[in-house]
Amino acid sequence: MTKHLLAVPFLLAFTFLSCAQNDLKNYEGNWEGTLENIHTFNFDITIEHLDSNTYNLTITNGVGTINKKLISTHNDRIQLSLDEHTHFNLSYNNDTTEIAGFITSGILMYHVNLRKTQNNEFTGTWNPFMVDSLQSQSVFISFENYDDGSFATYPVFGDQRFTGTWASQFVRNNNIISFRDYKTGLKFKATLLTDKIQLEIMLSEKTMAITNLIRSDVDLNKISSNGPLNQSTKKPIQTNDGWVTASIQELDIKASPLIRMIDSINKKSLVNTHSVLIARQDKLVFEAYFDGYNSAIPHDQRSASKSIASSMIGIAVNDHIIKNTEQLINELLPQDYQNTKDPLRSKIRIKDLLTMSSGIDAIDFGIDRNSTASEGSYQNSNDWLKTVMDASMINTPGTHAFYGSANPFLLGVCLNEQLDYPLESYMDQKLLAPLGISNYIIQTENTSTTPYFGGGMYLTPRDMLKFGQLYLNKGHWNGQKIISEDWVNNSFQKYLRLENTSDNNEYGYLWWHKTYVVANQEIESIEARGAGGQYIFVIPELDSVVVITSGNFGNGKFQQPEKILEQYILPAILE
């Protein structure tokens, strides 16, 4: 599993030189304030169709309100730009009772649904910080000064369920420091006063939150989220999301191992576990959330969304957008990035990207190599695609598998290049909407306009479970065929072993394989995996799917879900 530089769970501090840094010594350390309400980052959206391509856009959170008349740049759908960082791309449904699509802000594409309320008005909610309401209203700013005259500052939020900001674009004007969150696109303005800091959080130059910060001795590394306990082995709540629920007793699952698991998570023996869900025989039978998480919060998938990228390639093959997995990527990449002179590079197929065997020096971890196309390298370059395509070849394509996010990144570029409409819309129409998935976020790559197939979606755990069930059911969900059975079967084959992982796992089309042993019985699992402990386990012989989400970044416990599956969940099913 890879650590995504664009999706780290904590916060990155960006430094810059200051010609008058001495006075900033007075602000070194941590500062703390309180946001006005728990719905600070729950924005109500209203779009009113006025005439022709003219729309009135209103965004409010009770503190600040944006009201603008905008012109759509597209005739067939609603394309509005609030500013250079925030864009709307929406479409009407068939009976014009709803408009749905994406708000792109920063590097994130937020899927939203706006429903018709009156006349030509459509309303909905946008949660740029992912959470449905703030569990903690605390906000912190930290200042650090360095000997070379530079300094760093970054914001931290008391609600740690939000995966953190990426502060960038620093500008200092006397006692005002402005910067932007590269992730969400929100702007921060810190006014340095005598004994406090006034912090404003802004959307398109409009202040949506303001608070005064005072000095704080809080350890920012020890902030944690705690919410109400909502775990039990009772039958999950039936909603209208497409899941049929049942009790564990109906499916012959024992309660005692699951109760022990819940206790171990709450006692922090199994640290930073955010959710555990189990489906068996097409029914949701167990659902538990921890650390304040709930069923409404999309969780950072990291590399678990690589498996979703694989499904999109399968759908594109079925739609004849990509010929087949044998197709050479040079036929699909933008012309300026095709490389036909290198005899090895010109042989890379779609299949080689799906199986991590492109031969490109694109290794993320597990080997002592200064890989020029590792995630840390290409994501810090100005041109990701050029950096990856200029990297050296270390193997003949299709012969050796080394885990690296540059491989699925290239898949996204190849597919995007073949479409005549946005890739995110293709993903929604062909996969996510048919699964009944609407509350999700897609992270973009360096263009800030194209979904990143290397990983970085946000899905609710229930929706993660749907995706696993789709594959368990050979491409069907609730009777509807979404992916071909051949693609599922091919995806779950064992092609090569990953040579840079500790377990040398066998690998399919962006799916991991692992065998677990419980009571002397071997159980095979096919898995979507993401850094920090995001897992979708598909277990065909038990007719089961398990989802576990976690926050184990940087502590070496990212594979803890495998322990939970082997020591608690499988015994509950098998005993």
Protein backbone atom coordinates (compact mmCIF):
# COMPACT_ATOMS: atom_id res chain seq x y z
CA MET A 1 0.00 0.00 0.00
CA THR A 2 1.20 3.43 -0.80
CA LYS A 3 1.34 6.68 1.07
CA HIS A 4 -0.39 9.31 -1.02
CA LEU A 5 1.33 12.64 -0.92
CA LEU A 6 -1.93 14.29 -1.89
CA ALA A 7 -4.02 12.49 0.68
CA VAL A 8 -2.08 12.41 3.91
CA PRO A 9 -4.27 12.26 7.01
CA PHE A 10 -2.49 15.04 8.84
CA LEU A 11 -1.34 18.47 7.76
CA LEU A 12 1.65 19.61 5.78
CA ALA A 13 3.43 22.84 6.67
CA PHE A 14 4.82 24.89 3.80
CA THR A 15 7.69 27.22 4.52
CA PHE A 16 8.65 30.49 2.90
CA LEU A 17 11.23 33.19 3.49
CA SER A 18 10.31 36.35 5.28
CA CYS A 19 12.30 39.56 4.93
CA ALA A 20 10.94 40.71 8.28
CA GLN A 21 10.88 37.46 10.18
CA ASN A 22 12.01 38.77 13.57
CA ASP A 23 8.58 39.97 14.61
CA LEU A 24 7.16 36.55 13.80
CA LYS A 25 9.14 35.15 16.72
CA ASN A 26 6.42 36.66 18.88
CA TYR A 27 3.88 34.28 17.31
CA GLU A 28 5.88 31.06 17.44
CA GLY A 29 3.96 28.11 18.87
CA ASN A 30 0.32 27.06 18.87
CA TRP A 31 -2.80 29.23 18.91
CA GLU A 32 -6.33 28.03 19.59
CA GLY A 33 -9.84 29.31 18.91
CA THR A 34 -13.42 28.13 18.57
CA LEU A 35 -15.59 28.11 15.47
CA GLU A 36 -19.07 29.57 15.81
CA ASN A 37 -21.16 26.45 15.19
CA ILE A 38 -20.97 22.79 14.32
CA HIS A 39 -22.22 23.45 10.78
CA THR A 40 -19.45 25.86 9.82
CA PHE A 41 -18.42 23.63 6.91
CA ASN A 42 -21.88 22.52 5.82
CA PHE A 43 -22.72 24.87 2.96
CA ASP A 44 -26.29 25.18 1.70
CA ILE A 45 -26.36 25.54 -2.08
CA THR A 46 -29.19 27.06 -4.13
CA ILE A 47 -29.10 27.38 -7.91
CA GLU A 48 -31.91 29.29 -9.59
CA HIS A 49 -32.32 29.15 -13.35
CA LEU A 50 -33.11 32.69 -14.45
CA ASP A 51 -33.18 32.61 -18.25
CA SER A 52 -31.21 31.02 -21.09
CA ASN A 53 -27.77 30.20 -19.65
CA THR A 54 -28.04 32.57 -16.67
CA TYR A 55 -28.19 31.21 -13.11
CA ASN A 56 -28.22 32.70 -9.64
CA LEU A 57 -25.91 30.85 -7.25
CA THR A 58 -26.28 31.15 -3.48
CA ILE A 59 -23.92 29.54 -0.96
CA THR A 60 -24.42 30.06 2.77
CA ASN A 61 -23.52 28.50 6.11
CA GLY A 62 -25.32 30.93 8.39
CA VAL A 63 -22.21 33.07 8.87
CA GLY A 64 -21.32 34.09 5.34
CA THR A 65 -23.40 34.20 2.17
CA ILE A 66 -22.30 34.28 -1.46
CA ASN A 67 -24.90 35.38 -3.99
CA LYS A 68 -23.81 35.67 -7.61
CA LYS A 69 -25.41 35.76 -11.02
CA LEU A 70 -23.34 33.52 -13.32
CA ILE A 71 -23.41 32.47 -16.97
CA SER A 72 -23.10 28.79 -17.86
CA THR A 73 -20.32 28.15 -20.36
CA HIS A 74 -22.12 25.07 -21.70
CA ASN A 75 -25.53 24.83 -23.34
CA ASP A 76 -26.40 21.24 -22.44
CA ARG A 77 -25.30 21.27 -18.80
CA ILE A 78 -24.69 23.81 -16.06
CA GLN A 79 -21.05 24.90 -16.00
CA LEU A 80 -20.41 27.76 -13.61
CA SER A 81 -17.17 29.18 -12.21
CA LEU A 82 -17.35 30.95 -8.88
CA ASP A 83 -13.67 31.86 -9.18
CA GLU A 84 -10.48 30.26 -10.51
CA HIS A 85 -10.56 27.64 -7.73
CA THR A 86 -14.26 26.69 -7.53
CA HIS A 87 -16.28 25.30 -10.43
CA PHE A 88 -19.71 23.69 -10.87
CA ASN A 89 -20.46 21.04 -13.52
CA LEU A 90 -24.06 19.84 -13.14
CA SER A 91 -26.77 18.24 -15.27
CA TYR A 92 -30.56 17.88 -15.04
CA ASN A 93 -32.07 14.46 -14.56
CA ASN A 94 -34.66 13.19 -17.06
CA ASP A 95 -37.71 14.80 -15.42
CA THR A 96 -35.79 17.99 -14.38
CA THR A 97 -36.62 17.45 -10.70
CA GLU A 98 -32.95 17.30 -9.76
CA ILE A 99 -29.57 18.52 -10.90
CA ALA A 100 -26.49 16.53 -9.99
CA GLY A 101 -22.80 16.60 -10.70
CA PHE A 102 -19.62 17.98 -9.23
CA ILE A 103 -18.30 20.98 -7.37
CA THR A 104 -14.57 21.13 -7.99
CA SER A 105 -12.76 23.06 -5.29
CA GLY A 106 -9.02 22.74 -4.82
CA ILE A 107 -8.01 19.21 -5.85
CA LEU A 108 -11.32 17.62 -4.85
CA MET A 109 -14.44 16.92 -6.87
CA TYR A 110 -17.47 16.78 -4.57
CA HIS A 111 -20.47 14.94 -5.97
CA VAL A 112 -23.67 16.79 -5.07
CA ASN A 113 -27.40 16.37 -5.67
CA LEU A 114 -29.60 19.46 -5.74
CA ARG A 115 -33.35 18.86 -5.64
CA LYS A 116 -36.04 21.11 -7.03
CA THR A 117 -37.84 23.01 -4.28
CA GLN A 118 -39.88 25.67 -6.06
CA ASN A 119 -40.17 27.15 -9.52
CA ASN A 120 -36.67 26.98 -11.00
CA GLU A 121 -34.75 26.63 -7.71
CA PHE A 122 -32.64 23.61 -6.76
CA THR A 123 -31.13 23.17 -3.32
CA GLY A 124 -28.66 20.83 -1.63
CA THR A 125 -25.66 20.65 0.69
CA TRP A 126 -21.93 20.77 0.06
CA ASN A 127 -19.61 19.56 2.84
CA PRO A 128 -16.08 20.65 1.85
CA PHE A 129 -14.62 19.06 5.02
CA MET A 130 -16.51 15.77 4.39
CA VAL A 131 -18.13 15.62 7.85
CA ASP A 132 -21.88 16.08 8.33
CA SER A 133 -21.29 18.36 11.33
CA LEU A 134 -18.29 19.28 13.47
CA GLN A 135 -17.65 17.03 16.43
CA SER A 136 -15.24 19.63 17.82
CA GLN A 137 -15.40 23.35 17.08
CA SER A 138 -11.75 23.92 18.03
CA VAL A 139 -9.34 25.26 15.44
CA PHE A 140 -5.59 25.76 15.83
CA ILE A 141 -2.82 27.61 14.03
CA SER A 142 0.83 26.70 14.57
CA PHE A 143 3.78 28.97 13.76
CA GLU A 144 7.35 27.73 13.52
CA ASN A 145 10.46 29.84 12.79
CA TYR A 146 13.69 28.51 11.33
CA ASP A 147 17.31 29.64 11.48
CA ASP A 148 17.42 30.44 7.76
CA GLY A 149 14.79 33.13 8.18
CA SER A 150 11.90 31.06 6.89
CA PHE A 151 8.82 30.11 8.84
CA ALA A 152 5.90 27.73 8.56
CA THR A 153 2.29 27.94 9.59
CA TYR A 154 -0.53 25.46 9.31
CA PRO A 155 -4.09 25.06 10.52
CA VAL A 156 -5.29 22.05 12.52
CA PHE A 157 -8.91 21.24 13.32
CA GLY A 158 -10.16 19.65 16.51
CA ASP A 159 -12.41 17.37 14.46
CA GLN A 160 -9.81 14.90 13.25
CA ARG A 161 -12.28 13.07 11.04
CA PHE A 162 -11.43 15.68 8.42
CA THR A 163 -8.26 14.45 6.73
CA GLY A 164 -6.38 17.73 6.96
CA THR A 165 -5.40 20.78 4.97
CA TRP A 166 -2.54 21.46 2.57
CA ALA A 167 -1.49 25.04 3.17
CA SER A 168 0.08 26.76 0.14
CA GLN A 169 0.27 30.05 -1.78
CA PHE A 170 1.46 32.10 1.20
CA VAL A 171 1.31 35.87 0.90
CA ARG A 172 2.35 38.27 3.65
CA ASN A 173 1.16 41.86 3.72
CA ASN A 174 2.36 43.58 6.90
CA ASN A 175 0.56 41.80 9.76
CA ILE A 176 -1.70 39.70 7.52
CA ILE A 177 -0.73 36.24 6.31
CA SER A 178 -2.93 34.68 3.65
CA PHE A 179 -2.75 31.15 2.32
CA ARG A 180 -4.95 28.61 0.57
CA ASP A 181 -5.81 25.03 1.35
CA TYR A 182 -4.63 23.19 -1.73
CA LYS A 183 -6.98 20.30 -0.91
CA THR A 184 -10.38 21.97 -0.41
CA GLY A 185 -9.64 25.29 -2.12
CA LEU A 186 -10.67 27.32 0.94
CA LYS A 187 -8.62 30.42 1.76
CA PHE A 188 -7.27 31.35 5.20
CA LYS A 189 -6.38 34.84 6.39
CA ALA A 190 -4.54 35.26 9.69
CA THR A 191 -4.30 38.80 11.10
CA LEU A 192 -1.47 39.00 13.66
CA LEU A 193 -2.59 41.25 16.52
CA THR A 194 -0.84 42.13 19.79
CA ASP A 195 -2.01 39.22 21.92
CA LYS A 196 -4.20 37.22 19.54
CA ILE A 197 -4.60 36.09 15.96
CA GLN A 198 -7.80 36.74 14.07
CA LEU A 199 -8.43 33.86 11.70
CA GLU A 200 -10.83 34.04 8.77
CA ILE A 201 -11.75 31.07 6.57
CA MET A 202 -12.99 32.18 3.18
CA LEU A 203 -14.64 30.86 0.05
CA SER A 204 -14.13 33.01 -3.03
CA GLU A 205 -13.04 35.99 -0.90
CA LYS A 206 -16.17 35.74 1.26
CA THR A 207 -15.60 35.08 4.96
CA MET A 208 -17.48 31.92 5.96
CA ALA A 209 -15.96 31.62 9.47
CA ILE A 210 -14.08 33.97 11.79
CA THR A 211 -12.59 33.45 15.22
CA ASN A 212 -9.94 34.88 17.53
CA LEU A 213 -7.07 32.59 18.52
CA ILE A 214 -5.16 32.81 21.77
CA ARG A 215 -2.00 31.03 22.82
CA SER A 216 -2.36 27.33 23.51
CA ASP A 217 -0.14 24.64 25.00
CA VAL A 218 -2.09 21.82 23.34
CA ASP A 219 -0.04 19.04 21.70
CA LEU A 220 -1.36 19.04 18.15
CA ASN A 221 -0.10 15.49 17.62
CA LYS A 222 -2.41 14.19 20.35
CA ILE A 223 -5.71 15.62 19.14
CA SER A 224 -8.20 12.82 18.60
CA SER A 225 -11.85 12.42 17.69
CA ASN A 226 -14.28 10.87 20.12
CA GLY A 227 -17.94 10.46 19.48
CA PRO A 228 -20.94 8.63 20.87
CA LEU A 229 -20.65 4.86 21.07
CA ASN A 230 -22.81 3.29 18.38
CA GLN A 231 -21.55 -0.28 18.21
CA SER A 232 -23.49 -3.48 18.78
CA THR A 233 -24.19 -6.79 17.10
CA LYS A 234 -27.82 -5.83 16.51
CA LYS A 235 -29.34 -5.86 13.05
CA PRO A 236 -28.13 -2.79 11.06
CA ILE A 237 -30.66 -0.07 10.32
CA GLN A 238 -32.55 -0.50 7.07
CA THR A 239 -32.28 2.58 4.86
CA ASN A 240 -33.10 3.32 1.24
CA ASP A 241 -29.50 2.93 0.03
CA GLY A 242 -30.08 -0.45 -1.64
CA TRP A 243 -28.87 -2.69 1.17
CA VAL A 244 -31.13 -5.33 2.64
CA THR A 245 -30.23 -5.85 6.30
CA ALA A 246 -30.41 -8.98 8.43
CA SER A 247 -29.30 -10.07 11.87
CA ILE A 248 -26.09 -12.04 12.34
CA GLN A 249 -28.17 -14.85 13.83
CA GLU A 250 -30.07 -15.23 10.55
CA LEU A 251 -26.77 -15.81 8.75
CA ASP A 252 -25.21 -18.09 11.41
CA ILE A 253 -22.61 -15.54 12.52
CA LYS A 254 -21.54 -15.75 16.17
CA ALA A 255 -21.78 -12.62 18.29
CA SER A 256 -19.02 -13.33 20.82
CA PRO A 257 -15.99 -12.76 18.51
CA LEU A 258 -17.55 -9.53 17.26
CA ILE A 259 -18.19 -8.32 20.80
CA ARG A 260 -14.55 -9.03 21.64
CA MET A 261 -13.53 -7.04 18.57
CA ILE A 262 -15.69 -4.07 19.59
CA ASP A 263 -14.20 -4.12 23.09
CA SER A 264 -10.64 -4.28 21.72
CA ILE A 265 -11.27 -1.32 19.42
CA ASN A 266 -12.83 0.78 22.19
CA LYS A 267 -9.96 -0.11 24.55
CA LYS A 268 -7.52 1.02 21.83
CA SER A 269 -5.94 -2.42 21.56
CA LEU A 270 -6.92 -2.17 17.91
CA VAL A 271 -6.02 1.47 17.37
CA ASN A 272 -7.63 4.02 15.07
CA THR A 273 -10.29 1.71 13.66
CA HIS A 274 -13.08 3.83 12.21
CA SER A 275 -15.60 1.31 10.90
CA VAL A 276 -16.24 -2.41 10.48
CA LEU A 277 -19.01 -3.74 8.21
CA ILE A 278 -19.92 -7.27 7.16
CA ALA A 279 -22.20 -8.44 4.35
CA ARG A 280 -23.15 -12.07 3.89
CA GLN A 281 -25.40 -13.64 1.30
CA ASP A 282 -26.17 -10.19 -0.18
CA LYS A 283 -27.29 -8.78 3.18
CA LEU A 284 -25.71 -6.21 5.47
CA VAL A 285 -25.48 -8.00 8.82
CA PHE A 286 -22.99 -6.02 10.91
CA GLU A 287 -22.17 -2.31 11.04
CA ALA A 288 -20.13 -0.50 13.68
CA TYR A 289 -18.47 2.92 13.75
CA PHE A 290 -15.81 4.29 16.09
CA ASP A 291 -14.01 7.55 16.93
CA GLY A 292 -17.03 9.64 15.94
CA TYR A 293 -17.41 8.25 12.42
CA ASN A 294 -20.82 7.37 11.05
CA SER A 295 -22.52 6.06 7.93
CA ALA A 296 -22.85 9.54 6.38
CA ILE A 297 -19.16 10.47 6.31
CA PRO A 298 -17.18 9.56 3.17
CA HIS A 299 -13.89 8.01 4.26
CA ASP A 300 -10.53 8.55 2.59
CA GLN A 301 -9.91 5.43 0.48
CA ARG A 302 -6.30 6.02 -0.45
CA SER A 303 -5.18 3.15 -2.68
CA ALA A 304 -8.34 1.11 -2.08
CA SER A 305 -9.79 3.19 -4.91
CA LYS A 306 -7.24 1.65 -7.28
CA SER A 307 -9.67 -1.27 -7.51
CA ILE A 308 -12.38 1.18 -8.57
CA ALA A 309 -9.99 2.41 -11.26
CA SER A 310 -9.67 -1.20 -12.43
CA SER A 311 -13.46 -1.49 -12.71
CA MET A 312 -13.59 1.64 -14.87
CA ILE A 313 -11.08 0.12 -17.29
CA GLY A 314 -13.25 -2.99 -17.48
CA ILE A 315 -16.32 -0.87 -18.22
CA ALA A 316 -14.39 1.07 -20.88
CA VAL A 317 -13.35 -2.21 -22.53
CA ASN A 318 -16.98 -3.34 -22.54
CA ASP A 319 -17.96 0.02 -24.07
CA HIS A 320 -15.23 -0.40 -26.75
CA ILE A 321 -13.55 2.79 -25.60
CA ILE A 322 -10.43 0.72 -24.91
CA LYS A 323 -9.98 -2.25 -27.28
CA ASN A 324 -8.77 -4.78 -24.73
CA THR A 325 -6.11 -5.24 -22.08
CA GLU A 326 -3.53 -6.07 -24.77
CA GLN A 327 -3.79 -2.58 -26.24
CA LEU A 328 -0.53 -0.62 -26.10
CA ILE A 329 -0.68 2.51 -23.98
CA ASN A 330 1.15 4.47 -26.69
CA GLU A 331 -2.09 4.23 -28.69
CA LEU A 332 -3.99 5.88 -25.84
CA LEU A 333 -1.71 8.48 -24.25
CA PRO A 334 -1.64 12.11 -25.40
CA GLN A 335 0.59 12.30 -28.46
CA ASP A 336 3.22 14.51 -26.87
CA TYR A 337 3.84 11.87 -24.19
CA GLN A 338 4.01 8.78 -26.38
CA ASN A 339 7.42 7.15 -26.46
CA THR A 340 7.99 4.87 -29.42
CA LYS A 341 11.78 5.05 -29.47
CA ASP A 342 12.37 3.05 -26.29
CA PRO A 343 11.90 -0.59 -27.33
CA LEU A 344 10.72 -1.64 -23.86
CA ARG A 345 8.51 1.33 -23.10
CA SER A 346 6.71 0.99 -26.43
CA LYS A 347 5.58 -2.52 -25.42
CA ILE A 348 3.64 -1.48 -22.28
CA ARG A 349 0.05 -2.74 -22.43
CA ILE A 350 -3.05 -1.84 -20.42
CA LYS A 351 -2.69 -5.26 -18.77
CA ASP A 352 0.80 -4.36 -17.54
CA LEU A 353 -0.52 -1.27 -15.77
CA LEU A 354 -3.36 -3.28 -14.21
CA THR A 355 -0.91 -5.85 -12.83
CA MET A 356 1.79 -3.39 -11.68
CA SER A 357 4.17 -4.89 -14.21
CA SER A 358 4.78 -1.99 -16.61
CA GLY A 359 8.54 -2.24 -16.08
CA ILE A 360 8.70 1.51 -15.39
CA ASP A 361 10.83 2.46 -12.41
CA ALA A 362 7.65 3.44 -10.55
CA ILE A 363 8.12 1.72 -7.21
CA ASP A 364 6.40 3.18 -4.15
CA PHE A 365 7.90 1.19 -1.28
CA GLY A 366 9.67 -1.95 -0.15
CA ILE A 367 12.84 -1.58 -2.20
CA ASP A 368 15.94 0.57 -1.65
CA ARG A 369 15.72 2.49 -4.90
CA ASN A 370 15.62 6.16 -5.81
CA SER A 371 12.73 5.59 -8.17
CA THR A 372 12.26 8.55 -10.51
CA ALA A 373 8.55 7.78 -10.91
CA SER A 374 7.76 6.81 -7.34
CA GLU A 375 4.81 8.61 -5.87
CA GLY A 376 7.09 10.92 -3.94
CA SER A 377 8.87 11.90 -7.13
CA TYR A 378 6.22 12.35 -9.77
CA GLN A 379 3.71 14.01 -7.43
CA ASN A 380 6.30 16.64 -6.53
CA SER A 381 7.05 17.40 -10.18
CA ASN A 382 5.39 20.04 -12.34
CA ASP A 383 4.32 17.50 -14.95
CA TRP A 384 3.34 14.13 -13.51
CA LEU A 385 2.87 12.46 -16.87
CA LYS A 386 6.22 13.60 -18.25
CA THR A 387 8.02 12.50 -15.09
CA VAL A 388 6.49 9.02 -15.24
CA MET A 389 7.02 8.57 -18.98
CA ASP A 390 10.63 9.79 -18.73
CA ALA A 391 11.45 7.32 -15.93
CA SER A 392 13.84 4.51 -16.74
CA MET A 393 12.67 1.00 -17.61
CA ILE A 394 13.89 -1.68 -15.21
CA ASN A 395 12.07 -4.73 -16.58
CA THR A 396 10.40 -6.04 -19.69
CA PRO A 397 6.68 -5.21 -19.40
CA GLY A 398 4.59 -8.05 -17.99
CA THR A 399 7.48 -9.94 -16.37
CA HIS A 400 7.91 -8.51 -12.84
CA ALA A 401 5.35 -6.79 -10.59
CA PHE A 402 6.38 -3.91 -8.35
CA TYR A 403 3.66 -1.98 -6.57
CA GLY A 404 3.60 1.65 -7.73
CA SER A 405 0.85 4.25 -8.09
CA ALA A 406 2.23 5.54 -11.37
CA ASN A 407 0.76 2.48 -13.09
CA PRO A 408 -2.93 3.21 -12.33
CA PHE A 409 -2.21 6.91 -12.77
CA LEU A 410 -1.38 6.13 -16.40
CA LEU A 411 -4.62 4.15 -16.71
CA GLY A 412 -6.58 7.26 -15.75
CA VAL A 413 -4.70 9.35 -18.30
CA CYS A 414 -5.31 6.76 -21.03
CA LEU A 415 -9.04 6.53 -20.34
CA ASN A 416 -9.52 10.27 -19.97
CA GLU A 417 -7.84 10.84 -23.32
CA GLN A 418 -10.42 8.64 -25.09
CA LEU A 419 -13.54 10.33 -23.67
CA ASP A 420 -15.36 13.30 -25.16
CA TYR A 421 -16.85 14.25 -21.79
CA PRO A 422 -15.41 14.42 -18.24
CA LEU A 423 -13.98 11.22 -16.78
CA GLU A 424 -15.71 11.86 -13.44
CA SER A 425 -19.07 11.96 -15.25
CA TYR A 426 -18.25 8.66 -16.94
CA MET A 427 -17.42 7.14 -13.55
CA ASP A 428 -20.69 8.40 -12.11
CA GLN A 429 -22.90 7.29 -14.99
CA LYS A 430 -21.37 3.85 -15.50
CA LEU A 431 -20.48 2.72 -11.98
CA LEU A 432 -21.37 4.92 -9.04
CA ALA A 433 -24.92 5.99 -9.90
CA PRO A 434 -25.95 2.41 -10.82
CA LEU A 435 -24.69 1.35 -7.38
CA GLY A 436 -26.78 4.07 -5.76
CA ILE A 437 -23.63 5.90 -4.65
CA SER A 438 -24.06 9.68 -4.52
CA ASN A 439 -22.24 10.86 -1.38
CA TYR A 440 -18.64 10.71 -2.55
CA ILE A 441 -15.59 12.75 -3.45
CA ILE A 442 -12.97 12.22 -6.16
CA GLN A 443 -9.43 13.51 -5.82
CA THR A 444 -7.80 14.92 -8.94
CA GLU A 445 -4.26 14.58 -10.21
CA ASN A 446 -1.95 17.51 -10.87
CA THR A 447 -4.18 19.06 -13.53
CA SER A 448 -6.89 19.61 -10.88
CA THR A 449 -9.34 18.63 -13.61
CA THR A 450 -8.90 14.85 -14.00
CA PRO A 451 -9.61 12.07 -11.46
CA TYR A 452 -6.48 10.45 -10.07
CA PHE A 453 -6.60 6.69 -10.64
CA GLY A 454 -3.61 6.17 -8.33
CA GLY A 455 -5.95 6.52 -5.35
CA GLY A 456 -7.81 9.18 -3.46
CA MET A 457 -11.57 8.77 -3.54
CA TYR A 458 -13.78 9.24 -0.49
CA LEU A 459 -16.64 6.75 -0.06
CA THR A 460 -18.91 5.89 2.84
CA PRO A 461 -18.22 2.41 4.29
CA ARG A 462 -21.67 1.19 3.17
CA ASP A 463 -20.79 2.20 -0.38
CA MET A 464 -17.39 0.52 -0.13
CA LEU A 465 -19.28 -2.62 0.84
CA LYS A 466 -21.49 -2.24 -2.25
CA PHE A 467 -18.44 -2.18 -4.48
CA GLY A 468 -17.13 -5.37 -2.89
CA GLN A 469 -20.55 -7.02 -3.23
CA LEU A 470 -20.62 -6.02 -6.91
CA TYR A 471 -17.51 -8.12 -7.49
CA LEU A 472 -18.69 -10.97 -5.30
CA ASN A 473 -21.84 -11.05 -7.45
CA LYS A 474 -19.82 -11.26 -10.68
CA GLY A 475 -20.57 -7.69 -11.72
CA HIS A 476 -24.22 -7.43 -10.62
CA TRP A 477 -25.85 -5.23 -7.97
CA ASN A 478 -29.51 -5.71 -7.05
CA GLY A 479 -30.16 -7.52 -10.32
CA GLN A 480 -28.48 -4.96 -12.55
CA LYS A 481 -25.38 -5.84 -14.54
CA ILE A 482 -22.75 -3.13 -14.12
CA ILE A 483 -19.47 -4.92 -14.92
CA SER A 484 -19.05 -7.98 -17.12
CA GLU A 485 -18.54 -11.33 -15.42
CA ASP A 486 -15.46 -11.92 -17.58
CA TRP A 487 -13.89 -8.73 -16.24
CA VAL A 488 -14.53 -9.76 -12.64
CA ASN A 489 -13.06 -13.21 -13.28
CA ASN A 490 -10.02 -11.76 -15.03
CA SER A 491 -9.57 -9.15 -12.29
CA PHE A 492 -9.49 -11.84 -9.61
CA GLN A 493 -6.88 -14.00 -11.35
CA LYS A 494 -3.39 -14.31 -9.89
CA TYR A 495 -0.93 -12.91 -12.44
CA LEU A 496 2.32 -12.08 -10.67
CA ARG A 497 3.65 -11.64 -7.15
CA LEU A 498 4.40 -8.15 -5.93
CA GLU A 499 8.14 -8.20 -5.38
CA ASN A 500 8.28 -5.11 -3.18
CA THR A 501 5.73 -6.12 -0.52
CA SER A 502 6.54 -7.96 2.69
CA ASP A 503 4.13 -10.80 1.90
CA ASN A 504 4.96 -10.95 -1.83
CA ASN A 505 1.21 -10.99 -2.44
CA GLU A 506 -0.20 -12.44 -5.62
CA TYR A 507 -1.91 -9.69 -7.59
CA GLY A 508 -4.82 -9.36 -10.01
CA TYR A 509 -6.09 -6.34 -11.91
CA LEU A 510 -5.39 -3.88 -9.06
CA TRP A 511 -6.72 -6.41 -6.53
CA TRP A 512 -4.61 -8.05 -3.81
CA HIS A 513 -4.71 -11.73 -2.83
CA LYS A 514 -4.12 -13.16 0.62
CA THR A 515 -4.85 -16.49 2.32
CA TYR A 516 -5.89 -16.54 5.99
CA VAL A 517 -5.78 -19.55 8.29
CA VAL A 518 -8.52 -19.99 10.89
CA ALA A 519 -8.92 -23.23 12.85
CA ASN A 520 -6.64 -25.00 10.35
CA GLN A 521 -8.87 -23.87 7.49
CA GLU A 522 -7.45 -21.76 4.66
CA ILE A 523 -9.67 -18.90 3.52
CA GLU A 524 -8.79 -16.96 0.38
CA SER A 525 -9.57 -13.25 0.20
CA ILE A 526 -9.35 -10.80 -2.71
CA GLU A 527 -8.79 -7.29 -1.42
CA ALA A 528 -8.85 -3.60 -2.23
CA ARG A 529 -6.29 -1.97 0.07
CA GLY A 530 -5.42 1.58 0.95
CA ALA A 531 -2.77 3.22 3.13
CA GLY A 532 -3.75 3.76 6.74
CA GLY A 533 -5.87 0.59 6.79
CA GLN A 534 -8.69 0.93 4.22
CA TYR A 535 -9.79 -2.55 3.17
CA ILE A 536 -12.51 -4.21 1.13
CA PHE A 537 -12.28 -8.00 1.62
CA VAL A 538 -14.14 -10.13 -0.93
CA ILE A 539 -14.39 -13.73 0.33
CA PRO A 540 -16.19 -15.88 -2.28
CA GLU A 541 -16.12 -19.21 -0.41
CA LEU A 542 -17.93 -17.61 2.54
CA ASP A 543 -20.24 -15.51 0.34
CA SER A 544 -19.08 -12.51 2.36
CA VAL A 545 -17.70 -9.00 1.99
CA VAL A 546 -16.00 -7.13 4.82
CA VAL A 547 -15.08 -3.44 4.96
CA ILE A 548 -12.72 -1.88 7.50
CA THR A 549 -11.64 1.76 7.53
CA SER A 550 -8.86 3.12 9.72
CA GLY A 551 -6.55 6.01 10.47
CA ASN A 552 -3.23 4.23 10.96
CA PHE A 553 -0.94 6.53 9.03
CA GLY A 554 2.72 6.49 9.87
CA ASN A 555 2.49 4.15 12.87
CA GLY A 556 3.21 0.88 11.08
CA LYS A 557 -0.25 -0.57 11.77
CA PHE A 558 -1.74 -0.08 8.30
CA GLN A 559 -2.27 -3.86 7.94
CA GLN A 560 -4.23 -4.12 11.21
CA PRO A 561 -7.49 -4.86 9.32
CA GLU A 562 -5.99 -8.18 8.26
CA LYS A 563 -5.56 -9.05 11.94
CA ILE A 564 -9.14 -8.01 12.68
CA LEU A 565 -10.42 -10.20 9.86
CA GLU A 566 -8.38 -13.24 10.87
CA GLN A 567 -8.80 -13.05 14.64
CA TYR A 568 -12.39 -11.84 14.99
CA ILE A 569 -14.50 -11.75 11.84
CA LEU A 570 -13.58 -15.06 10.22
CA PRO A 571 -13.99 -16.94 13.53
CA ALA A 572 -17.44 -15.33 13.90
CA ILE A 573 -18.43 -16.66 10.50
CA LEU A 574 -16.74 -20.08 10.76
CA GLU A 575 -17.29 -21.10 14.39
